[in-house]
Amino acid sequence: MVLSDDVHASIKNRLGNGENLSIHCQSKDDDLGQQDIADGSEFGWDFSVNAWGTTLFYCDLEWENARRSHFDAYSFSRDHTRCETQCSWLISNEGMYGMNGQTGFWEFMYDWPN
């Protein structure tokens, strides 16, 4: 059963200095494979939210300076209000920003571990 079929998630590489970002995103049912995102570019996908409110897409990130991180690109419990139909992430050297669909502003969400 599906609640909505119009959610679009995207990850923008804003690392700068020509640094490529490598991501691998998946859910319980869908593996989007490894994607290499050039500096200044983005990768996105569309999906449907299930009726149980358990939809979850998670991603592993890696880039040239050997930083690795894991994060939830879409978690229904966290994101169904913040990014109802468009869930955008911006990856920078400072950390990760998420677009708040209600305010229209980028919000600092995660710092990179030291």
PDB file of N, CA and C in Angstrom:
ATOM      1  N   MET A   1       0.841  -1.182   0.000  1.00  0.00           N
ATOM      2  CA  MET A   1       0.000   0.000   0.000  1.00  0.00           C
ATOM      3  C   MET A   1       0.890   1.250   0.000  1.00  0.00           C
ATOM      4  N   VAL A   2       0.484   2.261  -0.719  1.00  0.00           N
ATOM      5  CA  VAL A   2       1.296   3.462  -0.905  1.00  0.00           C
ATOM      6  C   VAL A   2       0.521   4.699  -0.460  1.00  0.00           C
ATOM      7  N   LEU A   3       1.184   5.571   0.302  1.00  0.00           N
ATOM      8  CA  LEU A   3       0.579   6.838   0.715  1.00  0.00           C
ATOM      9  C   LEU A   3       0.751   7.907  -0.359  1.00  0.00           C
ATOM     10  N   SER A   4       1.939   7.952  -0.954  1.00  0.00           N
ATOM     11  CA  SER A   4       2.274   9.000  -1.900  1.00  0.00           C
ATOM     12  C   SER A   4       3.288   8.450  -2.891  1.00  0.00           C
ATOM     13  N   ASP A   5       3.225   8.918  -4.125  1.00  0.00           N
ATOM     14  CA  ASP A   5       4.216   8.466  -5.098  1.00  0.00           C
ATOM     15  C   ASP A   5       5.027   9.626  -5.636  1.00  0.00           C
ATOM     16  N   ASP A   6       5.045  10.730  -4.910  1.00  0.00           N
ATOM     17  CA  ASP A   6       5.674  11.917  -5.456  1.00  0.00           C
ATOM     18  C   ASP A   6       6.782  12.481  -4.572  1.00  0.00           C
ATOM     19  N   VAL A   7       7.524  11.616  -3.881  1.00  0.00           N
ATOM     20  CA  VAL A   7       8.661  12.096  -3.096  1.00  0.00           C
ATOM     21  C   VAL A   7       9.924  12.006  -3.952  1.00  0.00           C
ATOM     22  N   HIS A   8      10.659  13.100  -4.000  1.00  0.00           N
ATOM     23  CA  HIS A   8      11.927  13.141  -4.730  1.00  0.00           C
ATOM     24  C   HIS A   8      13.032  13.471  -3.740  1.00  0.00           C
ATOM     25  N   ALA A   9      14.035  12.623  -3.680  1.00  0.00           N
ATOM     26  CA  ALA A   9      15.203  12.863  -2.826  1.00  0.00           C
ATOM     27  C   ALA A   9      16.383  13.227  -3.715  1.00  0.00           C
ATOM     28  N   SER A  10      17.238  14.119  -3.223  1.00  0.00           N
ATOM     29  CA  SER A  10      18.434  14.479  -3.987  1.00  0.00           C
ATOM     30  C   SER A  10      19.575  14.813  -3.041  1.00  0.00           C
ATOM     31  N   ILE A  11      20.780  14.530  -3.527  1.00  0.00           N
ATOM     32  CA  ILE A  11      22.005  14.816  -2.779  1.00  0.00           C
ATOM     33  C   ILE A  11      22.891  15.657  -3.671  1.00  0.00           C
ATOM     34  N   LYS A  12      23.244  16.846  -3.187  1.00  0.00           N
ATOM     35  CA  LYS A  12      24.053  17.796  -3.952  1.00  0.00           C
ATOM     36  C   LYS A  12      25.481  17.788  -3.424  1.00  0.00           C
ATOM     37  N   ASN A  13      26.441  17.697  -4.314  1.00  0.00           N
ATOM     38  CA  ASN A  13      27.856  17.765  -3.944  1.00  0.00           C
ATOM     39  C   ASN A  13      28.305  19.222  -4.007  1.00  0.00           C
ATOM     40  N   ARG A  14      28.576  19.786  -2.838  1.00  0.00           N
ATOM     41  CA  ARG A  14      29.116  21.137  -2.744  1.00  0.00           C
ATOM     42  C   ARG A  14      30.404  21.126  -1.915  1.00  0.00           C
ATOM     43  N   LEU A  15      31.222  20.080  -2.129  1.00  0.00           N
ATOM     44  CA  LEU A  15      32.489  19.957  -1.402  1.00  0.00           C
ATOM     45  C   LEU A  15      33.499  20.999  -1.867  1.00  0.00           C
ATOM     46  N   GLY A  16      33.412  21.409  -3.123  1.00  0.00           N
ATOM     47  CA  GLY A  16      34.340  22.396  -3.660  1.00  0.00           C
ATOM     48  C   GLY A  16      35.663  21.799  -4.093  1.00  0.00           C
ATOM     49  N   ASN A  17      36.510  22.602  -4.672  1.00  0.00           N
ATOM     50  CA  ASN A  17      37.854  22.211  -5.125  1.00  0.00           C
ATOM     51  C   ASN A  17      37.850  20.997  -6.044  1.00  0.00           C
ATOM     52  N   GLY A  18      36.758  20.783  -6.773  1.00  0.00           N
ATOM     53  CA  GLY A  18      36.691  19.674  -7.723  1.00  0.00           C
ATOM     54  C   GLY A  18      36.586  18.300  -7.092  1.00  0.00           C
ATOM     55  N   GLU A  19      36.259  18.237  -5.805  1.00  0.00           N
ATOM     56  CA  GLU A  19      36.182  16.944  -5.110  1.00  0.00           C
ATOM     57  C   GLU A  19      34.937  16.171  -5.509  1.00  0.00           C
ATOM     58  N   ASN A  20      35.127  14.925  -5.926  1.00  0.00           N
ATOM     59  CA  ASN A  20      34.015  14.054  -6.260  1.00  0.00           C
ATOM     60  C   ASN A  20      33.463  13.408  -4.993  1.00  0.00           C
ATOM     61  N   LEU A  21      32.174  13.140  -5.002  1.00  0.00           N
ATOM     62  CA  LEU A  21      31.488  12.492  -3.896  1.00  0.00           C
ATOM     63  C   LEU A  21      30.967  11.156  -4.396  1.00  0.00           C
ATOM     64  N   SER A  22      31.255  10.096  -3.661  1.00  0.00           N
ATOM     65  CA  SER A  22      30.761   8.771  -4.003  1.00  0.00           C
ATOM     66  C   SER A  22      29.686   8.385  -2.997  1.00  0.00           C
ATOM     67  N   ILE A  23      28.506   7.992  -3.483  1.00  0.00           N
ATOM     68  CA  ILE A  23      27.417   7.609  -2.586  1.00  0.00           C
ATOM     69  C   ILE A  23      26.855   6.259  -2.992  1.00  0.00           C
ATOM     70  N   HIS A  24      26.310   5.568  -2.022  1.00  0.00           N
ATOM     71  CA  HIS A  24      25.589   4.318  -2.268  1.00  0.00           C
ATOM     72  C   HIS A  24      24.349   4.363  -1.395  1.00  0.00           C
ATOM     73  N   CYS A  25      23.182   4.522  -2.014  1.00  0.00           N
ATOM     74  CA  CYS A  25      21.912   4.650  -1.286  1.00  0.00           C
ATOM     75  C   CYS A  25      21.046   3.428  -1.529  1.00  0.00           C
ATOM     76  N   GLN A  26      20.286   3.079  -0.506  1.00  0.00           N
ATOM     77  CA  GLN A  26      19.381   1.950  -0.634  1.00  0.00           C
ATOM     78  C   GLN A  26      18.292   1.986   0.426  1.00  0.00           C
ATOM     79  N   SER A  27      17.263   1.202   0.170  1.00  0.00           N
ATOM     80  CA  SER A  27      16.201   0.975   1.141  1.00  0.00           C
ATOM     81  C   SER A  27      16.119  -0.534   1.332  1.00  0.00           C
ATOM     82  N   LYS A  28      15.144  -0.962   2.091  1.00  0.00           N
ATOM     83  CA  LYS A  28      14.948  -2.405   2.278  1.00  0.00           C
ATOM     84  C   LYS A  28      14.670  -3.088   0.940  1.00  0.00           C
ATOM     85  N   ASP A  29      13.977  -2.386   0.046  1.00  0.00           N
ATOM     86  CA  ASP A  29      13.545  -2.974  -1.220  1.00  0.00           C
ATOM     87  C   ASP A  29      14.333  -2.528  -2.450  1.00  0.00           C
ATOM     88  N   ASP A  30      14.998  -1.390  -2.391  1.00  0.00           N
ATOM     89  CA  ASP A  30      15.665  -0.826  -3.571  1.00  0.00           C
ATOM     90  C   ASP A  30      17.111  -0.474  -3.271  1.00  0.00           C
ATOM     91  N   ASP A  31      18.010  -0.956  -4.138  1.00  0.00           N
ATOM     92  CA  ASP A  31      19.421  -0.597  -4.066  1.00  0.00           C
ATOM     93  C   ASP A  31      19.719   0.281  -5.273  1.00  0.00           C
ATOM     94  N   LEU A  32      20.075   1.543  -5.022  1.00  0.00           N
ATOM     95  CA  LEU A  32      20.308   2.492  -6.109  1.00  0.00           C
ATOM     96  C   LEU A  32      21.715   2.405  -6.687  1.00  0.00           C
ATOM     97  N   GLY A  33      22.555   1.553  -6.110  1.00  0.00           N
ATOM     98  CA  GLY A  33      23.905   1.356  -6.617  1.00  0.00           C
ATOM     99  C   GLY A  33      24.832   2.509  -6.260  1.00  0.00           C
ATOM    100  N   GLN A  34      26.094   2.323  -6.559  1.00  0.00           N
ATOM    101  CA  GLN A  34      27.098   3.348  -6.299  1.00  0.00           C
ATOM    102  C   GLN A  34      26.978   4.444  -7.338  1.00  0.00           C
ATOM    103  N   GLN A  35      26.985   5.696  -6.874  1.00  0.00           N
ATOM    104  CA  GLN A  35      26.894   6.857  -7.756  1.00  0.00           C
ATOM    105  C   GLN A  35      28.062   7.785  -7.450  1.00  0.00           C
ATOM    106  N   ASP A  36      28.709   8.260  -8.493  1.00  0.00           N
ATOM    107  CA  ASP A  36      29.775   9.243  -8.334  1.00  0.00           C
ATOM    108  C   ASP A  36      29.228  10.599  -8.769  1.00  0.00           C
ATOM    109  N   ILE A  37      29.267  11.562  -7.847  1.00  0.00           N
ATOM    110  CA  ILE A  37      28.707  12.883  -8.107  1.00  0.00           C
ATOM    111  C   ILE A  37      29.844  13.893  -8.189  1.00  0.00           C
ATOM    112  N   ALA A  38      29.978  14.516  -9.339  1.00  0.00           N
ATOM    113  CA  ALA A  38      31.023  15.525  -9.532  1.00  0.00           C
ATOM    114  C   ALA A  38      30.710  16.757  -8.687  1.00  0.00           C
ATOM    115  N   ASP A  39      31.745  17.493  -8.326  1.00  0.00           N
ATOM    116  CA  ASP A  39      31.584  18.736  -7.566  1.00  0.00           C
ATOM    117  C   ASP A  39      30.621  19.657  -8.314  1.00  0.00           C
ATOM    118  N   GLY A  40      29.606  20.147  -7.608  1.00  0.00           N
ATOM    119  CA  GLY A  40      28.617  21.033  -8.206  1.00  0.00           C
ATOM    120  C   GLY A  40      27.422  20.319  -8.818  1.00  0.00           C
ATOM    121  N   SER A  41      27.451  18.995  -8.855  1.00  0.00           N
ATOM    122  CA  SER A  41      26.351  18.223  -9.436  1.00  0.00           C
ATOM    123  C   SER A  41      25.510  17.578  -8.338  1.00  0.00           C
ATOM    124  N   GLU A  42      24.468  16.853  -8.752  1.00  0.00           N
ATOM    125  CA  GLU A  42      23.617  16.173  -7.788  1.00  0.00           C
ATOM    126  C   GLU A  42      23.085  14.874  -8.361  1.00  0.00           C
ATOM    127  N   PHE A  43      22.620  14.009  -7.460  1.00  0.00           N
ATOM    128  CA  PHE A  43      21.978  12.748  -7.820  1.00  0.00           C
ATOM    129  C   PHE A  43      20.633  12.709  -7.115  1.00  0.00           C
ATOM    130  N   GLY A  44      19.606  12.289  -7.824  1.00  0.00           N
ATOM    131  CA  GLY A  44      18.279  12.234  -7.216  1.00  0.00           C
ATOM    132  C   GLY A  44      17.501  11.016  -7.652  1.00  0.00           C
ATOM    133  N   TRP A  45      16.460  10.680  -6.897  1.00  0.00           N
ATOM    134  CA  TRP A  45      15.598   9.559  -7.219  1.00  0.00           C
ATOM    135  C   TRP A  45      14.197   9.811  -6.660  1.00  0.00           C
ATOM    136  N   ASP A  46      13.219   9.134  -7.243  1.00  0.00           N
ATOM    137  CA  ASP A  46      11.829   9.233  -6.815  1.00  0.00           C
ATOM    138  C   ASP A  46      11.410   7.930  -6.159  1.00  0.00           C
ATOM    139  N   PHE A  47      10.520   8.030  -5.197  1.00  0.00           N
ATOM    140  CA  PHE A  47      10.038   6.836  -4.515  1.00  0.00           C
ATOM    141  C   PHE A  47       8.671   7.105  -3.907  1.00  0.00           C
ATOM    142  N   SER A  48       8.032   6.036  -3.492  1.00  0.00           N
ATOM    143  CA  SER A  48       6.726   6.109  -2.847  1.00  0.00           C
ATOM    144  C   SER A  48       6.872   5.809  -1.360  1.00  0.00           C
ATOM    145  N   VAL A  49       6.070   6.465  -0.557  1.00  0.00           N
ATOM    146  CA  VAL A  49       6.048   6.233   0.888  1.00  0.00           C
ATOM    147  C   VAL A  49       5.033   5.128   1.169  1.00  0.00           C
ATOM    148  N   ASN A  50       5.428   4.156   1.996  1.00  0.00           N
ATOM    149  CA  ASN A  50       4.493   3.066   2.278  1.00  0.00           C
ATOM    150  C   ASN A  50       3.446   3.477   3.317  1.00  0.00           C
ATOM    151  N   ALA A  51       2.381   2.720   3.387  1.00  0.00           N
ATOM    152  CA  ALA A  51       1.237   3.034   4.259  1.00  0.00           C
ATOM    153  C   ALA A  51       1.553   2.874   5.734  1.00  0.00           C
ATOM    154  N   TRP A  52       2.613   2.141   6.046  1.00  0.00           N
ATOM    155  CA  TRP A  52       2.962   1.882   7.443  1.00  0.00           C
ATOM    156  C   TRP A  52       3.836   2.978   8.031  1.00  0.00           C
ATOM    157  N   GLY A  53       4.265   3.937   7.206  1.00  0.00           N
ATOM    158  CA  GLY A  53       5.107   5.020   7.694  1.00  0.00           C
ATOM    159  C   GLY A  53       6.494   4.568   8.101  1.00  0.00           C
ATOM    160  N   THR A  54       7.021   3.555   7.408  1.00  0.00           N
ATOM    161  CA  THR A  54       8.343   3.018   7.747  1.00  0.00           C
ATOM    162  C   THR A  54       9.352   3.207   6.626  1.00  0.00           C
ATOM    163  N   THR A  55       9.017   3.993   5.605  1.00  0.00           N
ATOM    164  CA  THR A  55       9.928   4.189   4.479  1.00  0.00           C
ATOM    165  C   THR A  55      11.252   4.780   4.964  1.00  0.00           C
ATOM    166  N   LEU A  56      12.357   4.156   4.530  1.00  0.00           N
ATOM    167  CA  LEU A  56      13.697   4.580   4.929  1.00  0.00           C
ATOM    168  C   LEU A  56      14.663   4.349   3.780  1.00  0.00           C
ATOM    169  N   PHE A  57      15.345   5.404   3.355  1.00  0.00           N
ATOM    170  CA  PHE A  57      16.473   5.298   2.431  1.00  0.00           C
ATOM    171  C   PHE A  57      17.708   5.764   3.183  1.00  0.00           C
ATOM    172  N   TYR A  58      18.767   4.985   3.137  1.00  0.00           N
ATOM    173  CA  TYR A  58      20.006   5.350   3.812  1.00  0.00           C
ATOM    174  C   TYR A  58      21.152   5.312   2.808  1.00  0.00           C
ATOM    175  N   CYS A  59      22.161   6.141   3.074  1.00  0.00           N
ATOM    176  CA  CYS A  59      23.267   6.291   2.134  1.00  0.00           C
ATOM    177  C   CYS A  59      24.609   6.232   2.856  1.00  0.00           C
ATOM    178  N   ASP A  60      25.584   5.656   2.181  1.00  0.00           N
ATOM    179  CA  ASP A  60      26.976   5.732   2.601  1.00  0.00           C
ATOM    180  C   ASP A  60      27.656   6.740   1.694  1.00  0.00           C
ATOM    181  N   LEU A  61      28.414   7.648   2.290  1.00  0.00           N
ATOM    182  CA  LEU A  61      29.126   8.696   1.557  1.00  0.00           C
ATOM    183  C   LEU A  61      30.620   8.505   1.716  1.00  0.00           C
ATOM    184  N   GLU A  62      31.356   8.848   0.675  1.00  0.00           N
ATOM    185  CA  GLU A  62      32.817   8.822   0.756  1.00  0.00           C
ATOM    186  C   GLU A  62      33.371   9.817  -0.243  1.00  0.00           C
ATOM    187  N   TRP A  63      34.437  10.509   0.140  1.00  0.00           N
ATOM    188  CA  TRP A  63      35.090  11.410  -0.805  1.00  0.00           C
ATOM    189  C   TRP A  63      36.583  11.376  -0.612  1.00  0.00           C
ATOM    190  N   GLU A  64      37.260  12.116  -1.469  1.00  0.00           N
ATOM    191  CA  GLU A  64      38.694  11.967  -1.666  1.00  0.00           C
ATOM    192  C   GLU A  64      39.536  12.129  -0.417  1.00  0.00           C
ATOM    193  N   ASN A  65      39.129  12.968   0.514  1.00  0.00           N
ATOM    194  CA  ASN A  65      39.965  13.116   1.698  1.00  0.00           C
ATOM    195  C   ASN A  65      39.695  11.996   2.713  1.00  0.00           C
ATOM    196  N   ALA A  66      39.137  10.878   2.228  1.00  0.00           N
ATOM    197  CA  ALA A  66      38.936   9.643   2.982  1.00  0.00           C
ATOM    198  C   ALA A  66      37.878   9.750   4.074  1.00  0.00           C
ATOM    199  N   ARG A  67      37.073  10.802   4.046  1.00  0.00           N
ATOM    200  CA  ARG A  67      35.956  10.859   4.997  1.00  0.00           C
ATOM    201  C   ARG A  67      34.878   9.880   4.559  1.00  0.00           C
ATOM    202  N   ARG A  68      34.308   9.213   5.530  1.00  0.00           N
ATOM    203  CA  ARG A  68      33.187   8.314   5.271  1.00  0.00           C
ATOM    204  C   ARG A  68      32.088   8.639   6.251  1.00  0.00           C
ATOM    205  N   SER A  69      30.877   8.544   5.769  1.00  0.00           N
ATOM    206  CA  SER A  69      29.750   8.831   6.637  1.00  0.00           C
ATOM    207  C   SER A  69      28.554   8.015   6.182  1.00  0.00           C
ATOM    208  N   HIS A  70      27.643   7.782   7.092  1.00  0.00           N
ATOM    209  CA  HIS A  70      26.397   7.066   6.820  1.00  0.00           C
ATOM    210  C   HIS A  70      25.266   7.943   7.337  1.00  0.00           C
ATOM    211  N   PHE A  71      24.223   8.105   6.547  1.00  0.00           N
ATOM    212  CA  PHE A  71      23.096   8.899   7.019  1.00  0.00           C
ATOM    213  C   PHE A  71      21.805   8.421   6.371  1.00  0.00           C
ATOM    214  N   ASP A  72      20.698   8.767   6.992  1.00  0.00           N
ATOM    215  CA  ASP A  72      19.387   8.452   6.450  1.00  0.00           C
ATOM    216  C   ASP A  72      18.965   9.586   5.521  1.00  0.00           C
ATOM    217  N   ALA A  73      18.873   9.280   4.227  1.00  0.00           N
ATOM    218  CA  ALA A  73      18.475  10.284   3.238  1.00  0.00           C
ATOM    219  C   ALA A  73      16.979  10.576   3.317  1.00  0.00           C
ATOM    220  N   TYR A  74      16.209   9.573   3.739  1.00  0.00           N
ATOM    221  CA  TYR A  74      14.780   9.793   3.978  1.00  0.00           C
ATOM    222  C   TYR A  74      14.322   8.813   5.052  1.00  0.00           C
ATOM    223  N   SER A  75      13.799   9.359   6.114  1.00  0.00           N
ATOM    224  CA  SER A  75      13.190   8.573   7.177  1.00  0.00           C
ATOM    225  C   SER A  75      11.800   9.170   7.406  1.00  0.00           C
ATOM    226  N   PHE A  76      10.771   8.384   7.170  1.00  0.00           N
ATOM    227  CA  PHE A  76       9.406   8.910   7.251  1.00  0.00           C
ATOM    228  C   PHE A  76       9.163   9.638   8.566  1.00  0.00           C
ATOM    229  N   SER A  77       9.597   9.046   9.673  1.00  0.00           N
ATOM    230  CA  SER A  77       9.327   9.654  10.982  1.00  0.00           C
ATOM    231  C   SER A  77       9.961  11.031  11.123  1.00  0.00           C
ATOM    232  N   ARG A  78      11.110  11.257  10.507  1.00  0.00           N
ATOM    233  CA  ARG A  78      11.790  12.542  10.585  1.00  0.00           C
ATOM    234  C   ARG A  78      11.363  13.493   9.464  1.00  0.00           C
ATOM    235  N   ASP A  79      11.099  12.954   8.282  1.00  0.00           N
ATOM    236  CA  ASP A  79      11.014  13.787   7.081  1.00  0.00           C
ATOM    237  C   ASP A  79       9.625  13.998   6.490  1.00  0.00           C
ATOM    238  N   HIS A  80       8.602  13.299   6.946  1.00  0.00           N
ATOM    239  CA  HIS A  80       7.300  13.408   6.275  1.00  0.00           C
ATOM    240  C   HIS A  80       6.723  14.824   6.349  1.00  0.00           C
ATOM    241  N   THR A  81       7.139  15.621   7.324  1.00  0.00           N
ATOM    242  CA  THR A  81       6.685  17.006   7.401  1.00  0.00           C
ATOM    243  C   THR A  81       7.741  17.961   6.837  1.00  0.00           C
ATOM    244  N   ARG A  82       9.008  17.742   7.197  1.00  0.00           N
ATOM    245  CA  ARG A  82      10.101  18.631   6.797  1.00  0.00           C
ATOM    246  C   ARG A  82      10.278  18.671   5.278  1.00  0.00           C
ATOM    247  N   CYS A  83      10.153  17.525   4.653  1.00  0.00           N
ATOM    248  CA  CYS A  83      10.317  17.478   3.195  1.00  0.00           C
ATOM    249  C   CYS A  83       9.282  16.523   2.607  1.00  0.00           C
ATOM    250  N   GLU A  84       8.067  16.979   2.610  1.00  0.00           N
ATOM    251  CA  GLU A  84       6.919  16.158   2.218  1.00  0.00           C
ATOM    252  C   GLU A  84       7.037  15.561   0.815  1.00  0.00           C
ATOM    253  N   THR A  85       7.427  16.363  -0.171  1.00  0.00           N
ATOM    254  CA  THR A  85       7.534  15.856  -1.545  1.00  0.00           C
ATOM    255  C   THR A  85       8.935  16.023  -2.133  1.00  0.00           C
ATOM    256  N   GLN A  86       9.784  16.820  -1.505  1.00  0.00           N
ATOM    257  CA  GLN A  86      11.143  17.083  -1.990  1.00  0.00           C
ATOM    258  C   GLN A  86      12.097  17.032  -0.818  1.00  0.00           C
ATOM    259  N   CYS A  87      12.991  16.049  -0.814  1.00  0.00           N
ATOM    260  CA  CYS A  87      13.923  15.889   0.301  1.00  0.00           C
ATOM    261  C   CYS A  87      15.341  16.094  -0.240  1.00  0.00           C
ATOM    262  N   SER A  88      15.874  17.299  -0.044  1.00  0.00           N
ATOM    263  CA  SER A  88      17.169  17.670  -0.628  1.00  0.00           C
ATOM    264  C   SER A  88      18.240  17.768   0.450  1.00  0.00           C
ATOM    265  N   TRP A  89      19.430  17.279   0.095  1.00  0.00           N
ATOM    266  CA  TRP A  89      20.591  17.327   0.981  1.00  0.00           C
ATOM    267  C   TRP A  89      21.737  17.996   0.256  1.00  0.00           C
ATOM    268  N   LEU A  90      22.538  18.750   0.987  1.00  0.00           N
ATOM    269  CA  LEU A  90      23.705  19.423   0.446  1.00  0.00           C
ATOM    270  C   LEU A  90      24.907  18.978   1.268  1.00  0.00           C
ATOM    271  N   ILE A  91      25.899  18.409   0.585  1.00  0.00           N
ATOM    272  CA  ILE A  91      27.104  17.908   1.241  1.00  0.00           C
ATOM    273  C   ILE A  91      28.218  18.925   1.031  1.00  0.00           C
ATOM    274  N   SER A  92      28.750  19.449   2.156  1.00  0.00           N
ATOM    275  CA  SER A  92      29.863  20.403   2.075  1.00  0.00           C
ATOM    276  C   SER A  92      30.951  19.949   3.038  1.00  0.00           C
ATOM    277  N   ASN A  93      32.097  20.602   2.979  1.00  0.00           N
ATOM    278  CA  ASN A  93      33.181  20.246   3.899  1.00  0.00           C
ATOM    279  C   ASN A  93      32.832  20.561   5.345  1.00  0.00           C
ATOM    280  N   GLU A  94      31.918  21.514   5.564  1.00  0.00           N
ATOM    281  CA  GLU A  94      31.519  21.869   6.930  1.00  0.00           C
ATOM    282  C   GLU A  94      30.608  20.811   7.541  1.00  0.00           C
ATOM    283  N   GLY A  95      29.838  20.128   6.699  1.00  0.00           N
ATOM    284  CA  GLY A  95      28.882  19.142   7.174  1.00  0.00           C
ATOM    285  C   GLY A  95      27.758  18.990   6.168  1.00  0.00           C
ATOM    286  N   MET A  96      26.616  18.547   6.652  1.00  0.00           N
ATOM    287  CA  MET A  96      25.481  18.260   5.794  1.00  0.00           C
ATOM    288  C   MET A  96      24.312  19.195   6.125  1.00  0.00           C
ATOM    289  N   TYR A  97      23.704  19.711   5.075  1.00  0.00           N
ATOM    290  CA  TYR A  97      22.548  20.587   5.209  1.00  0.00           C
ATOM    291  C   TYR A  97      21.327  19.905   4.603  1.00  0.00           C
ATOM    292  N   GLY A  98      20.173  20.120   5.210  1.00  0.00           N
ATOM    293  CA  GLY A  98      18.920  19.618   4.674  1.00  0.00           C
ATOM    294  C   GLY A  98      17.996  20.782   4.379  1.00  0.00           C
ATOM    295  N   MET A  99      17.307  20.704   3.253  1.00  0.00           N
ATOM    296  CA  MET A  99      16.351  21.746   2.902  1.00  0.00           C
ATOM    297  C   MET A  99      15.069  21.525   3.692  1.00  0.00           C
ATOM    298  N   ASN A 100      14.619  22.557   4.363  1.00  0.00           N
ATOM    299  CA  ASN A 100      13.345  22.500   5.073  1.00  0.00           C
ATOM    300  C   ASN A 100      12.261  22.981   4.119  1.00  0.00           C
ATOM    301  N   GLY A 101      11.413  22.062   3.691  1.00  0.00           N
ATOM    302  CA  GLY A 101      10.366  22.391   2.728  1.00  0.00           C
ATOM    303  C   GLY A 101       9.333  23.363   3.267  1.00  0.00           C
ATOM    304  N   GLN A 102       9.197  23.443   4.580  1.00  0.00           N
ATOM    305  CA  GLN A 102       8.221  24.355   5.171  1.00  0.00           C
ATOM    306  C   GLN A 102       8.731  25.792   5.194  1.00  0.00           C
ATOM    307  N   THR A 103      10.046  25.965   5.459  1.00  0.00           N
ATOM    308  CA  THR A 103      10.601  27.315   5.550  1.00  0.00           C
ATOM    309  C   THR A 103      11.280  27.755   4.259  1.00  0.00           C
ATOM    310  N   GLY A 104      11.717  26.778   3.432  1.00  0.00           N
ATOM    311  CA  GLY A 104      12.436  27.104   2.207  1.00  0.00           C
ATOM    312  C   GLY A 104      13.905  27.413   2.445  1.00  0.00           C
ATOM    313  N   PHE A 105      14.425  27.100   3.631  1.00  0.00           N
ATOM    314  CA  PHE A 105      15.819  27.387   3.971  1.00  0.00           C
ATOM    315  C   PHE A 105      16.616  26.109   4.195  1.00  0.00           C
ATOM    316  N   TRP A 106      17.922  26.181   3.855  1.00  0.00           N
ATOM    317  CA  TRP A 106      18.845  25.095   4.192  1.00  0.00           C
ATOM    318  C   TRP A 106      19.118  25.161   5.686  1.00  0.00           C
ATOM    319  N   GLU A 107      19.070  24.008   6.336  1.00  0.00           N
ATOM    320  CA  GLU A 107      19.351  23.922   7.772  1.00  0.00           C
ATOM    321  C   GLU A 107      20.538  23.000   7.984  1.00  0.00           C
ATOM    322  N   PHE A 108      21.470  23.429   8.833  1.00  0.00           N
ATOM    323  CA  PHE A 108      22.613  22.584   9.162  1.00  0.00           C
ATOM    324  C   PHE A 108      22.099  21.397   9.970  1.00  0.00           C
ATOM    325  N   MET A 109      22.368  20.177   9.480  1.00  0.00           N
ATOM    326  CA  MET A 109      21.811  18.979  10.116  1.00  0.00           C
ATOM    327  C   MET A 109      22.875  18.124  10.813  1.00  0.00           C
ATOM    328  N   TYR A 110      24.029  17.932  10.181  1.00  0.00           N
ATOM    329  CA  TYR A 110      25.040  17.018  10.707  1.00  0.00           C
ATOM    330  C   TYR A 110      26.436  17.591  10.530  1.00  0.00           C
ATOM    331  N   ASP A 111      27.244  17.432  11.534  1.00  0.00           N
ATOM    332  CA  ASP A 111      28.663  17.764  11.493  1.00  0.00           C
ATOM    333  C   ASP A 111      29.401  16.473  11.180  1.00  0.00           C
ATOM    334  N   TRP A 112      30.535  16.585  10.505  1.00  0.00           N
ATOM    335  CA  TRP A 112      31.327  15.371  10.235  1.00  0.00           C
ATOM    336  C   TRP A 112      32.084  14.967  11.490  1.00  0.00           C
ATOM    337  N   PRO A 113      32.147  13.660  11.757  1.00  0.00           N
ATOM    338  CA  PRO A 113      32.920  13.214  12.923  1.00  0.00           C
ATOM    339  C   PRO A 113      34.409  13.529  12.755  1.00  0.00           C
ATOM    340  N   ASN A 114      35.056  13.846  13.846  1.00  0.00           N
ATOM    341  CA  ASN A 114      36.499  14.145  13.795  1.00  0.00           C
ATOM    342  C   ASN A 114      37.314  12.891  13.717  1.00  0.00           C
TER     343      ASN A 114
END
